[in-house]
C-alpha atoms as a PDB file:
ATOM      1  CA  MET A   1       0.259   0.068   0.034  1.00  0.00           C
ATOM      2  CA  ALA A   2       1.404   3.461  -0.458  1.00  0.00           C
ATOM      3  CA  PHE A   3       0.206   6.559  -1.060  1.00  0.00           C
ATOM      4  CA  ALA A   4       0.918  10.303  -2.606  1.00  0.00           C
ATOM      5  CA  GLU A   5       4.503  10.812  -3.354  1.00  0.00           C
ATOM      6  CA  MET A   6       5.559   6.855  -2.900  1.00  0.00           C
ATOM      7  CA  ALA A   7       2.696   5.574  -5.018  1.00  0.00           C
ATOM      8  CA  ARG A   8       3.838   7.770  -8.347  1.00  0.00           C
ATOM      9  CA  ARG A   9       7.105   6.262  -7.932  1.00  0.00           C
ATOM     10  CA  LEU A  10       7.042   2.751  -7.384  1.00  0.00           C
ATOM     11  CA  GLN A  11       4.435   3.425 -10.742  1.00  0.00           C
ATOM     12  CA  GLN A  12       7.510   3.974 -12.332  1.00  0.00           C
ATOM     13  CA  ALA A  13       8.922   0.835 -11.648  1.00  0.00           C
ATOM     14  CA  GLN A  14       9.404  -2.023 -14.658  1.00  0.00           C
ATOM     15  CA  ALA A  15       7.717  -5.849 -13.835  1.00  0.00           C
ATOM     16  CA  GLY A  16      10.863  -7.921 -12.627  1.00  0.00           C
ATOM     17  CA  GLU A  17      12.990  -5.083 -11.218  1.00  0.00           C
ATOM     18  CA  VAL A  18      14.199  -5.388  -8.286  1.00  0.00           C
ATOM     19  CA  LEU A  19      12.999  -3.001  -5.586  1.00  0.00           C
ATOM     20  CA  HIS A  20      13.515  -3.633  -1.478  1.00  0.00           C
ATOM     21  CA  LEU A  21      10.830  -2.663  -0.177  1.00  0.00           C
ATOM     22  CA  ILE A  22      10.507  -1.625   3.812  1.00  0.00           C
ATOM     23  CA  GLY A  23       7.292  -1.312   6.182  1.00  0.00           C
ATOM     24  CA  TYR A  24       5.388  -3.039   7.838  1.00  0.00           C
ATOM     25  CA  LEU A  25       2.500  -6.044   7.274  1.00  0.00           C
ATOM     26  CA  MET A  26      -1.261  -5.541   9.461  1.00  0.00           C
ATOM     27  CA  PRO A  27      -4.760  -7.046   8.809  1.00  0.00           C
ATOM     28  CA  SER A  28      -6.601  -5.267   5.366  1.00  0.00           C
ATOM     29  CA  ARG A  29      -9.342  -4.305   8.180  1.00  0.00           C
ATOM     30  CA  ARG A  30      -9.556  -5.874  12.212  1.00  0.00           C
ATOM     31  CA  GLY A  31     -10.087  -9.859  12.338  1.00  0.00           C
ATOM     32  CA  ALA A  32      -9.135 -10.238   8.652  1.00  0.00           C
ATOM     33  CA  ARG A  33      -5.949 -12.896   8.083  1.00  0.00           C
ATOM     34  CA  ILE A  34      -5.572 -10.790   4.840  1.00  0.00           C
ATOM     35  CA  LEU A  35      -2.259  -8.584   5.769  1.00  0.00           C
ATOM     36  CA  LYS A  36      -1.332  -5.460   3.740  1.00  0.00           C
ATOM     37  CA  LEU A  37       2.208  -4.215   3.434  1.00  0.00           C
ATOM     38  CA  ASN A  38       2.312  -0.352   4.509  1.00  0.00           C
ATOM     39  CA  ILE A  39       5.156   0.959   2.141  1.00  0.00           C
ATOM     40  CA  ILE A  40       8.195   3.167   3.932  1.00  0.00           C
ATOM     41  CA  GLU A  41      10.513   3.615   2.028  1.00  0.00           C
ATOM     42  CA  TRP A  42      12.346   1.683  -0.822  1.00  0.00           C
ATOM     43  CA  ILE A  43      15.363   0.773  -2.310  1.00  0.00           C
ATOM     44  CA  GLN A  44      15.824   0.340  -6.422  1.00  0.00           C
ATOM     45  CA  GLU A  45      18.766  -2.005  -7.409  1.00  0.00           C
ATOM     46  CA  GLY A  46      20.392  -0.155 -10.430  1.00  0.00           C
ATOM     47  CA  ASP A  47      21.543  -1.908 -13.395  1.00  0.00           C
ATOM     48  CA  HIS A  48      24.896  -1.628 -12.220  1.00  0.00           C
ATOM     49  CA  GLY A  49      24.243  -3.774  -9.149  1.00  0.00           C
ATOM     50  CA  LEU A  50      25.369  -1.169  -6.873  1.00  0.00           C
ATOM     51  CA  LEU A  51      21.175  -0.320  -4.749  1.00  0.00           C
ATOM     52  CA  GLN A  52      19.719   3.200  -5.024  1.00  0.00           C
ATOM     53  CA  GLU A  53      17.977   4.154  -1.922  1.00  0.00           C
ATOM     54  CA  ASN A  54      14.623   6.490  -3.018  1.00  0.00           C
ATOM     55  CA  ARG A  55      13.312   8.532  -0.173  1.00  0.00           C
ATOM     56  CA  PRO A  56      10.012  11.236  -0.542  1.00  0.00           C
END
């Protein structure tokens, strides 16, 4: 789950691209067994193999 600027930047990620997501899991609603990932920040792996940090 991502909002605002984070969602816009994640939308530009290509299929198959490696992203290291930082966030937390929580139930989608109270008492639910389904979890959602709330993304706080992410790191994108570049073509050169180095990690590139993407923060808002």
